[in-house]
Amino acid sequence: MARLSVELHHFFLEAERPPQVTLAELLLIAGERIFGFLFVLLSLPSALPVPAPGYSIPFGLLIFLLAIQLAIGSQRPWLPQWLADRPIQLEKIRAILDRGLPWLRRIESISRPRLTYVCTSLVGRVVIGIAIALMAVSMMIPIPGTNTLPAIGIFITGFGLLDDDGAISLGGLVVCSIAAVLTTSILISLFVGGYSLFEMFKSGFNTQ
């Protein structure tokens, strides 16, 4: 099976395509690697150093749906028809791939089947599914600092699923753990800061 970067380059950058493509069309090049393929592709815009705006929430929701299906043991994902047929602008995808394909190729250069039980066993897929679902929730939080690192964790973990490379997926889970700590810290800081600000205003009104 051809490398993902080769297939994406041919599908989006070489072959003639209409101005819009659908998610259903993308599934045609996924083959048996469909879960890993979708996690990599959908997390890529938010995982880039200069993420494309407007993708975190809709793609995060889709990743969450797929991750739950992976965790409950589905072999192939189910997508609502309206979502599978929703058009995506080809030019936007090409702009993302221009920045993302070099990163894909770097990981592909070290990827190979190893520690396959991490990606293929029931326990491994449950753990990966839950971790990716949590990172998808973090991606959808509209607060700076809660999007990019979780998306990177999903990207790396999903890439391990492509080649049944458990070592890469484990590395992705480590990134997911770091992202979870970061997101939690940001949310706690905002809550504590907001509560302190509220108490300050409350005290000011009480003294008047």
C-alpha atoms as a PDB file:
ATOM      1  CA  MET A   1       0.000   0.000   0.000  1.00  0.00           C
ATOM      2  CA  ALA A   2       1.360   3.393  -0.990  1.00  0.00           C
ATOM      3  CA  ARG A   3       2.447   5.870   1.646  1.00  0.00           C
ATOM      4  CA  LEU A   4      -0.249   8.261   2.784  1.00  0.00           C
ATOM      5  CA  SER A   5       1.748  11.298   1.674  1.00  0.00           C
ATOM      6  CA  VAL A   6       2.027   9.830  -1.849  1.00  0.00           C
ATOM      7  CA  GLU A   7      -1.688   9.103  -2.044  1.00  0.00           C
ATOM      8  CA  LEU A   8      -2.678  12.527  -0.726  1.00  0.00           C
ATOM      9  CA  HIS A   9      -0.256  14.277  -3.081  1.00  0.00           C
ATOM     10  CA  HIS A  10      -1.650  12.393  -6.067  1.00  0.00           C
ATOM     11  CA  PHE A  11      -5.305  12.749  -5.041  1.00  0.00           C
ATOM     12  CA  PHE A  12      -5.237  16.455  -4.236  1.00  0.00           C
ATOM     13  CA  LEU A  13      -2.260  17.982  -6.003  1.00  0.00           C
ATOM     14  CA  GLU A  14      -1.750  15.961  -9.200  1.00  0.00           C
ATOM     15  CA  ALA A  15      -5.087  14.559 -10.326  1.00  0.00           C
ATOM     16  CA  GLU A  16      -7.771  16.784 -11.821  1.00  0.00           C
ATOM     17  CA  ARG A  17     -10.464  17.499  -9.246  1.00  0.00           C
ATOM     18  CA  PRO A  18     -13.625  19.614  -9.117  1.00  0.00           C
ATOM     19  CA  PRO A  19     -13.462  22.765  -6.942  1.00  0.00           C
ATOM     20  CA  GLN A  20     -15.038  20.830  -4.077  1.00  0.00           C
ATOM     21  CA  VAL A  21     -14.567  17.329  -2.689  1.00  0.00           C
ATOM     22  CA  THR A  22     -16.510  15.402  -0.064  1.00  0.00           C
ATOM     23  CA  LEU A  23     -15.457  13.297   2.883  1.00  0.00           C
ATOM     24  CA  ALA A  24     -17.038  10.287   1.211  1.00  0.00           C
ATOM     25  CA  GLU A  25     -14.600  10.688  -1.690  1.00  0.00           C
ATOM     26  CA  LEU A  26     -11.665  10.807   0.702  1.00  0.00           C
ATOM     27  CA  LEU A  27     -12.659   7.475   2.209  1.00  0.00           C
ATOM     28  CA  LEU A  28     -12.007   5.823  -1.128  1.00  0.00           C
ATOM     29  CA  ILE A  29      -8.237   6.211  -0.653  1.00  0.00           C
ATOM     30  CA  ALA A  30      -8.227   5.113   2.995  1.00  0.00           C
ATOM     31  CA  GLY A  31      -8.606   1.363   2.490  1.00  0.00           C
ATOM     32  CA  GLU A  32      -8.156  -0.694   5.656  1.00  0.00           C
ATOM     33  CA  ARG A  33      -6.408   2.195   7.374  1.00  0.00           C
ATOM     34  CA  ILE A  34      -9.592   4.204   7.552  1.00  0.00           C
ATOM     35  CA  PHE A  35      -9.554   5.218  11.235  1.00  0.00           C
ATOM     36  CA  GLY A  36      -5.906   6.237  11.240  1.00  0.00           C
ATOM     37  CA  PHE A  37      -6.340   7.957   7.879  1.00  0.00           C
ATOM     38  CA  LEU A  38      -9.261  10.060   9.121  1.00  0.00           C
ATOM     39  CA  PHE A  39      -7.584  10.987  12.417  1.00  0.00           C
ATOM     40  CA  VAL A  40      -4.465  12.151  10.575  1.00  0.00           C
ATOM     41  CA  LEU A  41      -6.339  14.051   7.883  1.00  0.00           C
ATOM     42  CA  LEU A  42      -8.868  15.741  10.179  1.00  0.00           C
ATOM     43  CA  SER A  43      -6.339  16.754  12.854  1.00  0.00           C
ATOM     44  CA  LEU A  44      -3.762  18.059  10.363  1.00  0.00           C
ATOM     45  CA  PRO A  45      -5.193  21.597   9.928  1.00  0.00           C
ATOM     46  CA  SER A  46      -5.156  22.276  13.687  1.00  0.00           C
ATOM     47  CA  ALA A  47      -1.869  20.445  14.280  1.00  0.00           C
ATOM     48  CA  LEU A  48       0.156  22.635  11.925  1.00  0.00           C
ATOM     49  CA  PRO A  49       2.348  25.390  13.418  1.00  0.00           C
ATOM     50  CA  VAL A  50       0.118  27.885  11.601  1.00  0.00           C
ATOM     51  CA  PRO A  51      -3.308  26.230  11.919  1.00  0.00           C
ATOM     52  CA  ALA A  52      -6.098  27.024   9.488  1.00  0.00           C
ATOM     53  CA  PRO A  53      -8.930  28.857  11.265  1.00  0.00           C
ATOM     54  CA  GLY A  54     -12.436  27.437  11.327  1.00  0.00           C
ATOM     55  CA  TYR A  55     -11.510  23.746  11.352  1.00  0.00           C
ATOM     56  CA  SER A  56     -11.095  22.948  15.053  1.00  0.00           C
ATOM     57  CA  ILE A  57     -14.774  22.710  15.989  1.00  0.00           C
ATOM     58  CA  PRO A  58     -16.289  20.845  12.992  1.00  0.00           C
ATOM     59  CA  PHE A  59     -13.298  18.527  12.585  1.00  0.00           C
ATOM     60  CA  GLY A  60     -13.045  18.079  16.362  1.00  0.00           C
ATOM     61  CA  LEU A  61     -16.678  16.978  16.468  1.00  0.00           C
ATOM     62  CA  LEU A  62     -16.081  14.502  13.660  1.00  0.00           C
ATOM     63  CA  ILE A  63     -12.912  13.160  15.326  1.00  0.00           C
ATOM     64  CA  PHE A  64     -14.854  12.703  18.578  1.00  0.00           C
ATOM     65  CA  LEU A  65     -17.527  10.689  16.769  1.00  0.00           C
ATOM     66  CA  LEU A  66     -14.903   8.487  15.097  1.00  0.00           C
ATOM     67  CA  ALA A  67     -12.915   8.003  18.309  1.00  0.00           C
ATOM     68  CA  ILE A  68     -15.983   6.724  20.174  1.00  0.00           C
ATOM     69  CA  GLN A  69     -16.615   4.239  17.386  1.00  0.00           C
ATOM     70  CA  LEU A  70     -13.002   3.062  17.566  1.00  0.00           C
ATOM     71  CA  ALA A  71     -13.269   2.628  21.340  1.00  0.00           C
ATOM     72  CA  ILE A  72     -16.423   0.485  21.123  1.00  0.00           C
ATOM     73  CA  GLY A  73     -14.819  -1.858  18.611  1.00  0.00           C
ATOM     74  CA  SER A  74     -16.174  -0.707  15.243  1.00  0.00           C
ATOM     75  CA  GLN A  75     -14.100  -1.972  12.334  1.00  0.00           C
ATOM     76  CA  ARG A  76     -15.300   0.684   9.919  1.00  0.00           C
ATOM     77  CA  PRO A  77     -16.580   4.129  10.868  1.00  0.00           C
ATOM     78  CA  TRP A  78     -20.131   5.292  10.373  1.00  0.00           C
ATOM     79  CA  LEU A  79     -20.709   8.877   9.271  1.00  0.00           C
ATOM     80  CA  PRO A  80     -24.025  10.694   8.899  1.00  0.00           C
ATOM     81  CA  GLN A  81     -24.829  11.031   5.220  1.00  0.00           C
ATOM     82  CA  TRP A  82     -25.112  14.804   5.423  1.00  0.00           C
ATOM     83  CA  LEU A  83     -21.620  14.932   6.901  1.00  0.00           C
ATOM     84  CA  ALA A  84     -20.107  12.466   4.438  1.00  0.00           C
ATOM     85  CA  ASP A  85     -21.521  14.472   1.537  1.00  0.00           C
ATOM     86  CA  ARG A  86     -20.625  17.904   2.888  1.00  0.00           C
ATOM     87  CA  PRO A  87     -18.392  19.706   0.353  1.00  0.00           C
ATOM     88  CA  ILE A  88     -14.877  20.854   1.268  1.00  0.00           C
ATOM     89  CA  GLN A  89     -13.095  23.496  -0.778  1.00  0.00           C
ATOM     90  CA  LEU A  90     -10.253  21.872  -2.719  1.00  0.00           C
ATOM     91  CA  GLU A  91      -8.058  24.971  -2.532  1.00  0.00           C
ATOM     92  CA  LYS A  92      -8.222  24.976   1.270  1.00  0.00           C
ATOM     93  CA  ILE A  93      -7.158  21.328   1.392  1.00  0.00           C
ATOM     94  CA  ARG A  94      -4.295  22.003  -1.011  1.00  0.00           C
ATOM     95  CA  ALA A  95      -3.089  24.910   1.135  1.00  0.00           C
ATOM     96  CA  ILE A  96      -3.110  22.677   4.222  1.00  0.00           C
ATOM     97  CA  LEU A  97      -1.262  19.870   2.421  1.00  0.00           C
ATOM     98  CA  ASP A  98       1.404  22.251   1.150  1.00  0.00           C
ATOM     99  CA  ARG A  99       2.372  22.833   4.786  1.00  0.00           C
ATOM    100  CA  GLY A 100       1.482  19.405   6.135  1.00  0.00           C
ATOM    101  CA  LEU A 101       2.993  16.930   3.662  1.00  0.00           C
ATOM    102  CA  PRO A 102       6.618  17.571   4.783  1.00  0.00           C
ATOM    103  CA  TRP A 103       5.572  16.629   8.336  1.00  0.00           C
ATOM    104  CA  LEU A 104       3.854  13.493   7.055  1.00  0.00           C
ATOM    105  CA  ARG A 105       6.964  12.422   5.167  1.00  0.00           C
ATOM    106  CA  ARG A 106       9.171  12.874   8.237  1.00  0.00           C
ATOM    107  CA  ILE A 107       7.015  10.531  10.293  1.00  0.00           C
ATOM    108  CA  GLU A 108       6.671   8.063   7.416  1.00  0.00           C
ATOM    109  CA  SER A 109      10.460   7.777   7.255  1.00  0.00           C
ATOM    110  CA  ILE A 110      10.524   6.152  10.714  1.00  0.00           C
ATOM    111  CA  SER A 111       7.146   4.386  10.662  1.00  0.00           C
ATOM    112  CA  ARG A 112       6.903   0.590  10.426  1.00  0.00           C
ATOM    113  CA  PRO A 113       4.813  -2.196  12.003  1.00  0.00           C
ATOM    114  CA  ARG A 114       6.026  -2.721  15.606  1.00  0.00           C
ATOM    115  CA  LEU A 115       4.314  -3.199  18.955  1.00  0.00           C
ATOM    116  CA  THR A 116       1.280  -3.901  16.802  1.00  0.00           C
ATOM    117  CA  TYR A 117      -0.861  -5.004  19.759  1.00  0.00           C
ATOM    118  CA  VAL A 118      -1.051  -1.358  20.839  1.00  0.00           C
ATOM    119  CA  CYS A 119      -2.987  -0.577  17.654  1.00  0.00           C
ATOM    120  CA  THR A 120      -4.796  -3.866  17.025  1.00  0.00           C
ATOM    121  CA  SER A 121      -5.811  -5.249  20.446  1.00  0.00           C
ATOM    122  CA  LEU A 122      -9.175  -4.394  21.977  1.00  0.00           C
ATOM    123  CA  VAL A 123      -7.559  -2.764  25.004  1.00  0.00           C
ATOM    124  CA  GLY A 124      -5.213  -0.725  22.847  1.00  0.00           C
ATOM    125  CA  ARG A 125      -7.995   0.547  20.603  1.00  0.00           C
ATOM    126  CA  VAL A 126     -10.168   1.411  23.605  1.00  0.00           C
ATOM    127  CA  VAL A 127      -7.347   3.429  25.190  1.00  0.00           C
ATOM    128  CA  ILE A 128      -6.519   5.152  21.896  1.00  0.00           C
ATOM    129  CA  GLY A 129     -10.187   5.879  21.217  1.00  0.00           C
ATOM    130  CA  ILE A 130     -10.792   7.418  24.635  1.00  0.00           C
ATOM    131  CA  ALA A 131      -7.600   9.489  24.467  1.00  0.00           C
ATOM    132  CA  ILE A 132      -8.447  10.833  21.004  1.00  0.00           C
ATOM    133  CA  ALA A 133     -12.037  11.581  22.062  1.00  0.00           C
ATOM    134  CA  LEU A 134     -10.772  13.675  24.987  1.00  0.00           C
ATOM    135  CA  MET A 135      -8.334  15.499  22.726  1.00  0.00           C
ATOM    136  CA  ALA A 136     -11.155  16.170  20.254  1.00  0.00           C
ATOM    137  CA  VAL A 137     -13.132  17.833  23.050  1.00  0.00           C
ATOM    138  CA  SER A 138     -10.099  19.979  23.854  1.00  0.00           C
ATOM    139  CA  MET A 139      -9.773  20.914  20.161  1.00  0.00           C
ATOM    140  CA  MET A 140     -13.302  22.298  20.231  1.00  0.00           C
ATOM    141  CA  ILE A 141     -12.743  24.574  23.225  1.00  0.00           C
ATOM    142  CA  PRO A 142     -12.521  28.132  21.828  1.00  0.00           C
ATOM    143  CA  ILE A 143      -9.642  29.140  24.089  1.00  0.00           C
ATOM    144  CA  PRO A 144      -6.042  29.754  22.912  1.00  0.00           C
ATOM    145  CA  GLY A 145      -3.707  26.936  23.933  1.00  0.00           C
ATOM    146  CA  THR A 146      -6.315  24.181  23.939  1.00  0.00           C
ATOM    147  CA  ASN A 147      -6.291  23.330  20.229  1.00  0.00           C
ATOM    148  CA  THR A 148      -2.867  22.794  18.666  1.00  0.00           C
ATOM    149  CA  LEU A 149      -1.198  20.364  21.106  1.00  0.00           C
ATOM    150  CA  PRO A 150      -4.264  18.077  21.360  1.00  0.00           C
ATOM    151  CA  ALA A 151      -4.446  18.038  17.552  1.00  0.00           C
ATOM    152  CA  ILE A 152      -0.755  17.080  17.389  1.00  0.00           C
ATOM    153  CA  GLY A 153      -1.468  14.228  19.816  1.00  0.00           C
ATOM    154  CA  ILE A 154      -4.332  13.003  17.627  1.00  0.00           C
ATOM    155  CA  PHE A 155      -2.194  13.349  14.495  1.00  0.00           C
ATOM    156  CA  ILE A 156       0.692  11.274  15.887  1.00  0.00           C
ATOM    157  CA  THR A 157      -1.526   8.643  17.516  1.00  0.00           C
ATOM    158  CA  GLY A 158      -3.595   8.284  14.362  1.00  0.00           C
ATOM    159  CA  PHE A 159      -0.465   8.009  12.249  1.00  0.00           C
ATOM    160  CA  GLY A 160       0.594   4.996  14.323  1.00  0.00           C
ATOM    161  CA  LEU A 161      -2.717   3.333  13.419  1.00  0.00           C
ATOM    162  CA  LEU A 162      -1.905   3.687   9.712  1.00  0.00           C
ATOM    163  CA  ASP A 163       1.040   1.264   9.834  1.00  0.00           C
ATOM    164  CA  ASP A 164       0.121  -0.529  13.095  1.00  0.00           C
ATOM    165  CA  ASP A 165       3.134   1.236  14.583  1.00  0.00           C
ATOM    166  CA  GLY A 166       2.478   0.977  18.315  1.00  0.00           C
ATOM    167  CA  ALA A 167       5.633   2.903  19.159  1.00  0.00           C
ATOM    168  CA  ILE A 168       4.405   5.988  17.291  1.00  0.00           C
ATOM    169  CA  SER A 169       0.908   5.631  18.756  1.00  0.00           C
ATOM    170  CA  LEU A 170       2.401   5.421  22.257  1.00  0.00           C
ATOM    171  CA  GLY A 171       4.367   8.585  21.516  1.00  0.00           C
ATOM    172  CA  GLY A 172       1.118  10.204  20.435  1.00  0.00           C
ATOM    173  CA  LEU A 173      -0.561   9.129  23.682  1.00  0.00           C
ATOM    174  CA  VAL A 174       2.255  10.798  25.620  1.00  0.00           C
ATOM    175  CA  VAL A 175       1.582  14.017  23.706  1.00  0.00           C
ATOM    176  CA  CYS A 176      -2.140  13.588  24.447  1.00  0.00           C
ATOM    177  CA  SER A 177      -1.334  13.279  28.166  1.00  0.00           C
ATOM    178  CA  ILE A 178       0.741  16.465  28.103  1.00  0.00           C
ATOM    179  CA  ALA A 179      -2.043  18.226  26.185  1.00  0.00           C
ATOM    180  CA  ALA A 180      -4.604  17.067  28.746  1.00  0.00           C
ATOM    181  CA  VAL A 181      -2.519  18.543  31.580  1.00  0.00           C
ATOM    182  CA  LEU A 182      -2.082  21.802  29.657  1.00  0.00           C
ATOM    183  CA  THR A 183      -5.779  22.124  28.818  1.00  0.00           C
ATOM    184  CA  THR A 184      -6.795  21.314  32.395  1.00  0.00           C
ATOM    185  CA  SER A 185      -4.334  23.882  33.734  1.00  0.00           C
ATOM    186  CA  ILE A 186      -5.651  26.556  31.374  1.00  0.00           C
ATOM    187  CA  LEU A 187      -9.274  25.854  32.312  1.00  0.00           C
ATOM    188  CA  ILE A 188      -8.493  25.843  36.048  1.00  0.00           C
ATOM    189  CA  SER A 189      -6.549  29.104  35.717  1.00  0.00           C
ATOM    190  CA  LEU A 190      -9.428  30.731  33.854  1.00  0.00           C
ATOM    191  CA  PHE A 191     -11.927  29.487  36.419  1.00  0.00           C
ATOM    192  CA  VAL A 192      -9.838  30.653  39.384  1.00  0.00           C
ATOM    193  CA  GLY A 193      -9.098  33.965  37.684  1.00  0.00           C
ATOM    194  CA  GLY A 194     -12.731  34.500  36.781  1.00  0.00           C
ATOM    195  CA  TYR A 195     -13.889  33.597  40.281  1.00  0.00           C
ATOM    196  CA  SER A 196     -11.324  35.953  41.847  1.00  0.00           C
ATOM    197  CA  LEU A 197     -12.449  38.739  39.519  1.00  0.00           C
ATOM    198  CA  PHE A 198     -16.069  38.079  40.428  1.00  0.00           C
ATOM    199  CA  GLU A 199     -15.254  38.192  44.154  1.00  0.00           C
ATOM    200  CA  MET A 200     -13.355  41.443  43.658  1.00  0.00           C
ATOM    201  CA  PHE A 201     -16.310  43.106  41.955  1.00  0.00           C
ATOM    202  CA  LYS A 202     -18.654  41.631  44.525  1.00  0.00           C
ATOM    203  CA  SER A 203     -16.576  43.079  47.370  1.00  0.00           C
ATOM    204  CA  GLY A 204     -16.464  46.453  45.608  1.00  0.00           C
ATOM    205  CA  PHE A 205     -20.244  46.595  45.325  1.00  0.00           C
ATOM    206  CA  ASN A 206     -20.695  45.525  48.947  1.00  0.00           C
ATOM    207  CA  THR A 207     -18.500  48.370  50.209  1.00  0.00           C
ATOM    208  CA  GLN A 208     -20.545  50.993  48.371  1.00  0.00           C
END
